[in-house]
Amino acid sequence: MPERLKKRGMRVVGARQVLRALKDGSAQEVFLALDAAPPLRQQIERAAKESGVPLTTVAAMEELSQLCRVDVPSAAAAVIKAGTAETVSG
């Protein structure tokens, strides 16, 4: 896992924020927990594929939240491009 995922100014955490980053073109790489709800997983997988953004899976939401240094389980996270820090949350 890239160290960039741990830096607040370089990532977004949460399914809605990841989908927004994919839609606006700011996502560089998406991380998706395999134990996230199947419809949510499919939506993020489809959006990443349509955007041409690489997708990396993580075994569990708890593991992804630890990698991102957040206190709640997270279904998805994305490393974002430099200069798009205004969309960062978490």
PDB file of N, CA and C in Angstrom:
ATOM      1  N   MET A   1       0.832  -1.181   0.000  1.00  0.00           N
ATOM      2  CA  MET A   1       0.000   0.000   0.000  1.00  0.00           C
ATOM      3  C   MET A   1       0.878   1.247   0.000  1.00  0.00           C
ATOM      4  N   PRO A   2       0.532   2.183  -0.811  1.00  0.00           N
ATOM      5  CA  PRO A   2       1.360   3.380  -0.865  1.00  0.00           C
ATOM      6  C   PRO A   2       1.241   4.219   0.396  1.00  0.00           C
ATOM      7  N   GLU A   3       2.341   4.816   0.762  1.00  0.00           N
ATOM      8  CA  GLU A   3       2.350   5.719   1.908  1.00  0.00           C
ATOM      9  C   GLU A   3       1.429   6.913   1.676  1.00  0.00           C
ATOM     10  N   ARG A   4       1.184   7.243   0.409  1.00  0.00           N
ATOM     11  CA  ARG A   4       0.325   8.388   0.086  1.00  0.00           C
ATOM     12  C   ARG A   4      -1.081   8.211   0.646  1.00  0.00           C
ATOM     13  N   LEU A   5      -1.515   6.991   0.852  1.00  0.00           N
ATOM     14  CA  LEU A   5      -2.845   6.741   1.377  1.00  0.00           C
ATOM     15  C   LEU A   5      -2.974   7.223   2.821  1.00  0.00           C
ATOM     16  N   LYS A   6      -1.863   7.316   3.518  1.00  0.00           N
ATOM     17  CA  LYS A   6      -1.879   7.750   4.915  1.00  0.00           C
ATOM     18  C   LYS A   6      -1.895   9.273   5.058  1.00  0.00           C
ATOM     19  N   LYS A   7      -1.549   9.986   4.019  1.00  0.00           N
ATOM     20  CA  LYS A   7      -1.459  11.443   4.099  1.00  0.00           C
ATOM     21  C   LYS A   7      -2.809  12.085   3.827  1.00  0.00           C
ATOM     22  N   ARG A   8      -3.288  12.887   4.758  1.00  0.00           N
ATOM     23  CA  ARG A   8      -4.604  13.502   4.653  1.00  0.00           C
ATOM     24  C   ARG A   8      -4.766  14.338   3.395  1.00  0.00           C
ATOM     25  N   GLY A   9      -3.786  15.071   3.013  1.00  0.00           N
ATOM     26  CA  GLY A   9      -3.912  15.956   1.865  1.00  0.00           C
ATOM     27  C   GLY A   9      -3.816  15.258   0.523  1.00  0.00           C
ATOM     28  N   MET A  10      -3.621  13.958   0.545  1.00  0.00           N
ATOM     29  CA  MET A  10      -3.412  13.209  -0.702  1.00  0.00           C
ATOM     30  C   MET A  10      -4.476  12.135  -0.941  1.00  0.00           C
ATOM     31  N   ARG A  11      -5.546  12.132  -0.130  1.00  0.00           N
ATOM     32  CA  ARG A  11      -6.519  11.067  -0.284  1.00  0.00           C
ATOM     33  C   ARG A  11      -7.908  11.498   0.175  1.00  0.00           C
ATOM     34  N   VAL A  12      -8.884  10.722  -0.290  1.00  0.00           N
ATOM     35  CA  VAL A  12     -10.238  10.847   0.214  1.00  0.00           C
ATOM     36  C   VAL A  12     -10.635   9.488   0.765  1.00  0.00           C
ATOM     37  N   VAL A  13     -11.507   9.496   1.763  1.00  0.00           N
ATOM     38  CA  VAL A  13     -11.930   8.255   2.407  1.00  0.00           C
ATOM     39  C   VAL A  13     -13.457   8.219   2.440  1.00  0.00           C
ATOM     40  N   GLY A  14     -14.001   7.083   2.083  1.00  0.00           N
ATOM     41  CA  GLY A  14     -15.446   6.906   2.090  1.00  0.00           C
ATOM     42  C   GLY A  14     -15.976   6.752   0.671  1.00  0.00           C
ATOM     43  N   ALA A  15     -17.021   5.958   0.546  1.00  0.00           N
ATOM     44  CA  ALA A  15     -17.555   5.638  -0.777  1.00  0.00           C
ATOM     45  C   ALA A  15     -18.024   6.879  -1.534  1.00  0.00           C
ATOM     46  N   ARG A  16     -18.768   7.761  -0.870  1.00  0.00           N
ATOM     47  CA  ARG A  16     -19.272   8.952  -1.564  1.00  0.00           C
ATOM     48  C   ARG A  16     -18.149   9.835  -2.066  1.00  0.00           C
ATOM     49  N   GLN A  17     -17.141  10.031  -1.227  1.00  0.00           N
ATOM     50  CA  GLN A  17     -16.016  10.882  -1.617  1.00  0.00           C
ATOM     51  C   GLN A  17     -15.216  10.248  -2.752  1.00  0.00           C
ATOM     52  N   VAL A  18     -15.065   8.934  -2.715  1.00  0.00           N
ATOM     53  CA  VAL A  18     -14.344   8.237  -3.786  1.00  0.00           C
ATOM     54  C   VAL A  18     -15.118   8.355  -5.101  1.00  0.00           C
ATOM     55  N   LEU A  19     -16.418   8.144  -5.049  1.00  0.00           N
ATOM     56  CA  LEU A  19     -17.225   8.277  -6.265  1.00  0.00           C
ATOM     57  C   LEU A  19     -17.164   9.696  -6.817  1.00  0.00           C
ATOM     58  N   ARG A  20     -17.171  10.688  -5.937  1.00  0.00           N
ATOM     59  CA  ARG A  20     -17.056  12.083  -6.366  1.00  0.00           C
ATOM     60  C   ARG A  20     -15.701  12.341  -7.018  1.00  0.00           C
ATOM     61  N   ALA A  21     -14.625  11.802  -6.410  1.00  0.00           N
ATOM     62  CA  ALA A  21     -13.281  11.979  -6.966  1.00  0.00           C
ATOM     63  C   ALA A  21     -13.149  11.300  -8.330  1.00  0.00           C
ATOM     64  N   LEU A  22     -13.787  10.158  -8.492  1.00  0.00           N
ATOM     65  CA  LEU A  22     -13.772   9.480  -9.792  1.00  0.00           C
ATOM     66  C   LEU A  22     -14.535  10.302 -10.823  1.00  0.00           C
ATOM     67  N   LYS A  23     -15.658  10.846 -10.421  1.00  0.00           N
ATOM     68  CA  LYS A  23     -16.487  11.630 -11.339  1.00  0.00           C
ATOM     69  C   LYS A  23     -15.790  12.906 -11.790  1.00  0.00           C
ATOM     70  N   ASP A  24     -15.105  13.579 -10.848  1.00  0.00           N
ATOM     71  CA  ASP A  24     -14.469  14.854 -11.220  1.00  0.00           C
ATOM     72  C   ASP A  24     -13.037  14.701 -11.741  1.00  0.00           C
ATOM     73  N   GLY A  25     -12.551  13.449 -11.837  1.00  0.00           N
ATOM     74  CA  GLY A  25     -11.244  13.196 -12.424  1.00  0.00           C
ATOM     75  C   GLY A  25     -10.059  13.421 -11.507  1.00  0.00           C
ATOM     76  N   SER A  26     -10.307  13.557 -10.201  1.00  0.00           N
ATOM     77  CA  SER A  26      -9.193  13.815  -9.291  1.00  0.00           C
ATOM     78  C   SER A  26      -8.585  12.538  -8.704  1.00  0.00           C
ATOM     79  N   ALA A  27      -9.229  11.390  -8.865  1.00  0.00           N
ATOM     80  CA  ALA A  27      -8.709  10.133  -8.307  1.00  0.00           C
ATOM     81  C   ALA A  27      -7.578   9.585  -9.172  1.00  0.00           C
ATOM     82  N   GLN A  28      -6.504   9.170  -8.510  1.00  0.00           N
ATOM     83  CA  GLN A  28      -5.366   8.535  -9.186  1.00  0.00           C
ATOM     84  C   GLN A  28      -5.412   7.025  -9.051  1.00  0.00           C
ATOM     85  N   GLU A  29      -5.828   6.564  -7.871  1.00  0.00           N
ATOM     86  CA  GLU A  29      -5.901   5.141  -7.585  1.00  0.00           C
ATOM     87  C   GLU A  29      -6.973   4.935  -6.526  1.00  0.00           C
ATOM     88  N   VAL A  30      -7.753   3.868  -6.674  1.00  0.00           N
ATOM     89  CA  VAL A  30      -8.836   3.572  -5.748  1.00  0.00           C
ATOM     90  C   VAL A  30      -8.516   2.294  -4.985  1.00  0.00           C
ATOM     91  N   PHE A  31      -8.859   2.304  -3.697  1.00  0.00           N
ATOM     92  CA  PHE A  31      -8.715   1.131  -2.838  1.00  0.00           C
ATOM     93  C   PHE A  31     -10.110   0.748  -2.371  1.00  0.00           C
ATOM     94  N   LEU A  32     -10.445  -0.529  -2.489  1.00  0.00           N
ATOM     95  CA  LEU A  32     -11.798  -0.994  -2.206  1.00  0.00           C
ATOM     96  C   LEU A  32     -11.746  -2.213  -1.295  1.00  0.00           C
ATOM     97  N   ALA A  33     -12.515  -2.169  -0.203  1.00  0.00           N
ATOM     98  CA  ALA A  33     -12.573  -3.286   0.738  1.00  0.00           C
ATOM     99  C   ALA A  33     -13.471  -4.384   0.179  1.00  0.00           C
ATOM    100  N   LEU A  34     -12.993  -5.614   0.224  1.00  0.00           N
ATOM    101  CA  LEU A  34     -13.753  -6.740  -0.313  1.00  0.00           C
ATOM    102  C   LEU A  34     -14.990  -7.079   0.513  1.00  0.00           C
ATOM    103  N   ASP A  35     -15.029  -6.644   1.772  1.00  0.00           N
ATOM    104  CA  ASP A  35     -16.201  -6.937   2.591  1.00  0.00           C
ATOM    105  C   ASP A  35     -17.223  -5.795   2.592  1.00  0.00           C
ATOM    106  N   ALA A  36     -17.061  -4.837   1.705  1.00  0.00           N
ATOM    107  CA  ALA A  36     -18.065  -3.778   1.547  1.00  0.00           C
ATOM    108  C   ALA A  36     -19.313  -4.391   0.909  1.00  0.00           C
ATOM    109  N   ALA A  37     -20.437  -3.723   1.065  1.00  0.00           N
ATOM    110  CA  ALA A  37     -21.693  -4.222   0.494  1.00  0.00           C
ATOM    111  C   ALA A  37     -21.537  -4.419  -1.015  1.00  0.00           C
ATOM    112  N   PRO A  38     -21.983  -5.565  -1.535  1.00  0.00           N
ATOM    113  CA  PRO A  38     -21.808  -5.858  -2.967  1.00  0.00           C
ATOM    114  C   PRO A  38     -22.303  -4.766  -3.917  1.00  0.00           C
ATOM    115  N   PRO A  39     -23.487  -4.166  -3.712  1.00  0.00           N
ATOM    116  CA  PRO A  39     -23.915  -3.113  -4.656  1.00  0.00           C
ATOM    117  C   PRO A  39     -22.959  -1.907  -4.652  1.00  0.00           C
ATOM    118  N   LEU A  40     -22.452  -1.567  -3.481  1.00  0.00           N
ATOM    119  CA  LEU A  40     -21.504  -0.456  -3.373  1.00  0.00           C
ATOM    120  C   LEU A  40     -20.193  -0.803  -4.055  1.00  0.00           C
ATOM    121  N   ARG A  41     -19.714  -2.017  -3.823  1.00  0.00           N
ATOM    122  CA  ARG A  41     -18.484  -2.475  -4.478  1.00  0.00           C
ATOM    123  C   ARG A  41     -18.623  -2.405  -5.992  1.00  0.00           C
ATOM    124  N   GLN A  42     -19.745  -2.895  -6.495  1.00  0.00           N
ATOM    125  CA  GLN A  42     -19.964  -2.900  -7.945  1.00  0.00           C
ATOM    126  C   GLN A  42     -20.006  -1.483  -8.503  1.00  0.00           C
ATOM    127  N   GLN A  43     -20.635  -0.579  -7.782  1.00  0.00           N
ATOM    128  CA  GLN A  43     -20.722   0.810  -8.239  1.00  0.00           C
ATOM    129  C   GLN A  43     -19.333   1.450  -8.319  1.00  0.00           C
ATOM    130  N   ILE A  44     -18.509   1.216  -7.315  1.00  0.00           N
ATOM    131  CA  ILE A  44     -17.161   1.794  -7.294  1.00  0.00           C
ATOM    132  C   ILE A  44     -16.289   1.128  -8.351  1.00  0.00           C
ATOM    133  N   GLU A  45     -16.381  -0.189  -8.483  1.00  0.00           N
ATOM    134  CA  GLU A  45     -15.611  -0.900  -9.512  1.00  0.00           C
ATOM    135  C   GLU A  45     -15.951  -0.380 -10.901  1.00  0.00           C
ATOM    136  N   ARG A  46     -17.245  -0.206 -11.168  1.00  0.00           N
ATOM    137  CA  ARG A  46     -17.702   0.290 -12.473  1.00  0.00           C
ATOM    138  C   ARG A  46     -17.204   1.713 -12.735  1.00  0.00           C
ATOM    139  N   ALA A  47     -17.307   2.577 -11.716  1.00  0.00           N
ATOM    140  CA  ALA A  47     -16.864   3.966 -11.870  1.00  0.00           C
ATOM    141  C   ALA A  47     -15.357   4.044 -12.101  1.00  0.00           C
ATOM    142  N   ALA A  48     -14.586   3.221 -11.392  1.00  0.00           N
ATOM    143  CA  ALA A  48     -13.136   3.213 -11.575  1.00  0.00           C
ATOM    144  C   ALA A  48     -12.775   2.736 -12.983  1.00  0.00           C
ATOM    145  N   LYS A  49     -13.451   1.697 -13.437  1.00  0.00           N
ATOM    146  CA  LYS A  49     -13.185   1.169 -14.777  1.00  0.00           C
ATOM    147  C   LYS A  49     -13.523   2.203 -15.845  1.00  0.00           C
ATOM    148  N   GLU A  50     -14.673   2.841 -15.712  1.00  0.00           N
ATOM    149  CA  GLU A  50     -15.090   3.861 -16.680  1.00  0.00           C
ATOM    150  C   GLU A  50     -14.140   5.054 -16.693  1.00  0.00           C
ATOM    151  N   SER A  51     -13.558   5.360 -15.530  1.00  0.00           N
ATOM    152  CA  SER A  51     -12.637   6.494 -15.416  1.00  0.00           C
ATOM    153  C   SER A  51     -11.208   6.121 -15.779  1.00  0.00           C
ATOM    154  N   GLY A  52     -10.944   4.818 -15.937  1.00  0.00           N
ATOM    155  CA  GLY A  52      -9.599   4.364 -16.247  1.00  0.00           C
ATOM    156  C   GLY A  52      -8.642   4.488 -15.073  1.00  0.00           C
ATOM    157  N   VAL A  53      -9.179   4.403 -13.864  1.00  0.00           N
ATOM    158  CA  VAL A  53      -8.376   4.541 -12.652  1.00  0.00           C
ATOM    159  C   VAL A  53      -8.086   3.150 -12.093  1.00  0.00           C
ATOM    160  N   PRO A  54      -6.828   2.863 -11.758  1.00  0.00           N
ATOM    161  CA  PRO A  54      -6.486   1.547 -11.194  1.00  0.00           C
ATOM    162  C   PRO A  54      -7.207   1.299  -9.879  1.00  0.00           C
ATOM    163  N   LEU A  55      -7.630   0.063  -9.668  1.00  0.00           N
ATOM    164  CA  LEU A  55      -8.350  -0.334  -8.471  1.00  0.00           C
ATOM    165  C   LEU A  55      -7.565  -1.418  -7.756  1.00  0.00           C
ATOM    166  N   THR A  56      -7.337  -1.222  -6.470  1.00  0.00           N
ATOM    167  CA  THR A  56      -6.644  -2.196  -5.635  1.00  0.00           C
ATOM    168  C   THR A  56      -7.611  -2.653  -4.556  1.00  0.00           C
ATOM    169  N   THR A  57      -7.717  -3.955  -4.346  1.00  0.00           N
ATOM    170  CA  THR A  57      -8.610  -4.450  -3.308  1.00  0.00           C
ATOM    171  C   THR A  57      -7.848  -4.666  -2.005  1.00  0.00           C
ATOM    172  N   VAL A  58      -8.587  -4.494  -0.919  1.00  0.00           N
ATOM    173  CA  VAL A  58      -8.093  -4.701   0.440  1.00  0.00           C
ATOM    174  C   VAL A  58      -9.053  -5.694   1.076  1.00  0.00           C
ATOM    175  N   ALA A  59      -8.548  -6.579   1.913  1.00  0.00           N
ATOM    176  CA  ALA A  59      -9.362  -7.662   2.464  1.00  0.00           C
ATOM    177  C   ALA A  59     -10.579  -7.174   3.246  1.00  0.00           C
ATOM    178  N   ALA A  60     -10.412  -6.136   4.056  1.00  0.00           N
ATOM    179  CA  ALA A  60     -11.504  -5.743   4.947  1.00  0.00           C
ATOM    180  C   ALA A  60     -11.579  -4.230   5.133  1.00  0.00           C
ATOM    181  N   MET A  61     -12.787  -3.758   5.441  1.00  0.00           N
ATOM    182  CA  MET A  61     -12.992  -2.331   5.687  1.00  0.00           C
ATOM    183  C   MET A  61     -12.156  -1.860   6.879  1.00  0.00           C
ATOM    184  N   GLU A  62     -12.034  -2.700   7.876  1.00  0.00           N
ATOM    185  CA  GLU A  62     -11.236  -2.353   9.060  1.00  0.00           C
ATOM    186  C   GLU A  62      -9.775  -2.134   8.676  1.00  0.00           C
ATOM    187  N   GLU A  63      -9.250  -2.990   7.812  1.00  0.00           N
ATOM    188  CA  GLU A  63      -7.864  -2.856   7.344  1.00  0.00           C
ATOM    189  C   GLU A  63      -7.681  -1.550   6.568  1.00  0.00           C
ATOM    190  N   LEU A  64      -8.635  -1.230   5.720  1.00  0.00           N
ATOM    191  CA  LEU A  64      -8.547   0.004   4.942  1.00  0.00           C
ATOM    192  C   LEU A  64      -8.603   1.225   5.845  1.00  0.00           C
ATOM    193  N   SER A  65      -9.439   1.189   6.866  1.00  0.00           N
ATOM    194  CA  SER A  65      -9.515   2.332   7.778  1.00  0.00           C
ATOM    195  C   SER A  65      -8.204   2.501   8.549  1.00  0.00           C
ATOM    196  N   GLN A  66      -7.545   1.403   8.898  1.00  0.00           N
ATOM    197  CA  GLN A  66      -6.249   1.493   9.573  1.00  0.00           C
ATOM    198  C   GLN A  66      -5.191   2.083   8.646  1.00  0.00           C
ATOM    199  N   LEU A  67      -5.204   1.685   7.386  1.00  0.00           N
ATOM    200  CA  LEU A  67      -4.249   2.227   6.419  1.00  0.00           C
ATOM    201  C   LEU A  67      -4.437   3.734   6.236  1.00  0.00           C
ATOM    202  N   CYS A  68      -5.695   4.169   6.316  1.00  0.00           N
ATOM    203  CA  CYS A  68      -6.009   5.588   6.129  1.00  0.00           C
ATOM    204  C   CYS A  68      -5.946   6.375   7.432  1.00  0.00           C
ATOM    205  N   ARG A  69      -5.735   5.669   8.527  1.00  0.00           N
ATOM    206  CA  ARG A  69      -5.675   6.292   9.847  1.00  0.00           C
ATOM    207  C   ARG A  69      -6.966   7.033  10.191  1.00  0.00           C
ATOM    208  N   VAL A  70      -8.073   6.354   9.984  1.00  0.00           N
ATOM    209  CA  VAL A  70      -9.373   6.881  10.399  1.00  0.00           C
ATOM    210  C   VAL A  70      -9.997   5.907  11.386  1.00  0.00           C
ATOM    211  N   ASP A  71     -10.924   6.400  12.197  1.00  0.00           N
ATOM    212  CA  ASP A  71     -11.475   5.600  13.292  1.00  0.00           C
ATOM    213  C   ASP A  71     -12.676   4.738  12.937  1.00  0.00           C
ATOM    214  N   VAL A  72     -13.230   4.903  11.764  1.00  0.00           N
ATOM    215  CA  VAL A  72     -14.408   4.123  11.377  1.00  0.00           C
ATOM    216  C   VAL A  72     -14.072   3.236  10.187  1.00  0.00           C
ATOM    217  N   PRO A  73     -14.677   2.057  10.098  1.00  0.00           N
ATOM    218  CA  PRO A  73     -14.436   1.193   8.946  1.00  0.00           C
ATOM    219  C   PRO A  73     -14.783   1.918   7.646  1.00  0.00           C
ATOM    220  N   SER A  74     -13.954   1.733   6.638  1.00  0.00           N
ATOM    221  CA  SER A  74     -14.131   2.435   5.366  1.00  0.00           C
ATOM    222  C   SER A  74     -14.221   1.440   4.220  1.00  0.00           C
ATOM    223  N   ALA A  75     -15.238   1.612   3.380  1.00  0.00           N
ATOM    224  CA  ALA A  75     -15.432   0.727   2.238  1.00  0.00           C
ATOM    225  C   ALA A  75     -14.461   1.052   1.114  1.00  0.00           C
ATOM    226  N   ALA A  76     -14.090   2.328   0.999  1.00  0.00           N
ATOM    227  CA  ALA A  76     -13.241   2.743  -0.121  1.00  0.00           C
ATOM    228  C   ALA A  76     -12.414   3.962   0.254  1.00  0.00           C
ATOM    229  N   ALA A  77     -11.320   4.117  -0.473  1.00  0.00           N
ATOM    230  CA  ALA A  77     -10.457   5.293  -0.337  1.00  0.00           C
ATOM    231  C   ALA A  77      -9.793   5.511  -1.690  1.00  0.00           C
ATOM    232  N   ALA A  78      -9.328   6.716  -1.915  1.00  0.00           N
ATOM    233  CA  ALA A  78      -8.641   7.003  -3.172  1.00  0.00           C
ATOM    234  C   ALA A  78      -7.493   7.959  -2.932  1.00  0.00           C
ATOM    235  N   VAL A  79      -6.401   7.710  -3.619  1.00  0.00           N
ATOM    236  CA  VAL A  79      -5.296   8.660  -3.668  1.00  0.00           C
ATOM    237  C   VAL A  79      -5.694   9.672  -4.742  1.00  0.00           C
ATOM    238  N   ILE A  80      -5.553  10.947  -4.422  1.00  0.00           N
ATOM    239  CA  ILE A  80      -5.970  11.967  -5.381  1.00  0.00           C
ATOM    240  C   ILE A  80      -4.773  12.695  -5.957  1.00  0.00           C
ATOM    241  N   LYS A  81      -5.010  13.337  -7.083  1.00  0.00           N
ATOM    242  CA  LYS A  81      -3.965  14.083  -7.773  1.00  0.00           C
ATOM    243  C   LYS A  81      -3.624  15.347  -7.007  1.00  0.00           C
ATOM    244  N   ALA A  82      -2.377  15.769  -7.105  1.00  0.00           N
ATOM    245  CA  ALA A  82      -1.940  17.010  -6.483  1.00  0.00           C
ATOM    246  C   ALA A  82      -2.783  18.169  -7.018  1.00  0.00           C
ATOM    247  N   GLY A  83      -3.066  19.112  -6.131  1.00  0.00           N
ATOM    248  CA  GLY A  83      -3.826  20.289  -6.556  1.00  0.00           C
ATOM    249  C   GLY A  83      -5.324  20.116  -6.414  1.00  0.00           C
ATOM    250  N   THR A  84      -5.751  18.969  -5.873  1.00  0.00           N
ATOM    251  CA  THR A  84      -7.192  18.765  -5.682  1.00  0.00           C
ATOM    252  C   THR A  84      -7.511  18.587  -4.212  1.00  0.00           C
ATOM    253  N   ALA A  85      -6.685  19.144  -3.343  1.00  0.00           N
ATOM    254  CA  ALA A  85      -6.830  18.970  -1.904  1.00  0.00           C
ATOM    255  C   ALA A  85      -8.137  19.522  -1.360  1.00  0.00           C
ATOM    256  N   GLU A  86      -8.794  20.434  -2.081  1.00  0.00           N
ATOM    257  CA  GLU A  86     -10.036  20.972  -1.584  1.00  0.00           C
ATOM    258  C   GLU A  86     -11.142  19.924  -1.502  1.00  0.00           C
ATOM    259  N   THR A  87     -10.967  18.780  -2.165  1.00  0.00           N
ATOM    260  CA  THR A  87     -11.991  17.736  -2.108  1.00  0.00           C
ATOM    261  C   THR A  87     -11.695  16.714  -1.011  1.00  0.00           C
ATOM    262  N   VAL A  88     -10.614  16.888  -0.264  1.00  0.00           N
ATOM    263  CA  VAL A  88     -10.188  15.897   0.716  1.00  0.00           C
ATOM    264  C   VAL A  88     -11.088  15.914   1.940  1.00  0.00           C
ATOM    265  N   SER A  89     -11.367  14.722   2.441  1.00  0.00           N
ATOM    266  CA  SER A  89     -12.078  14.593   3.703  1.00  0.00           C
ATOM    267  C   SER A  89     -11.416  13.486   4.498  1.00  0.00           C
ATOM    268  N   GLY A  90     -11.604  13.521   5.799  1.00  0.00           N
ATOM    269  CA  GLY A  90     -11.083  12.438   6.630  1.00  0.00           C
ATOM    270  C   GLY A  90      -9.754  12.761   7.130  1.00  0.00           C
TER     271      GLY A  90
END
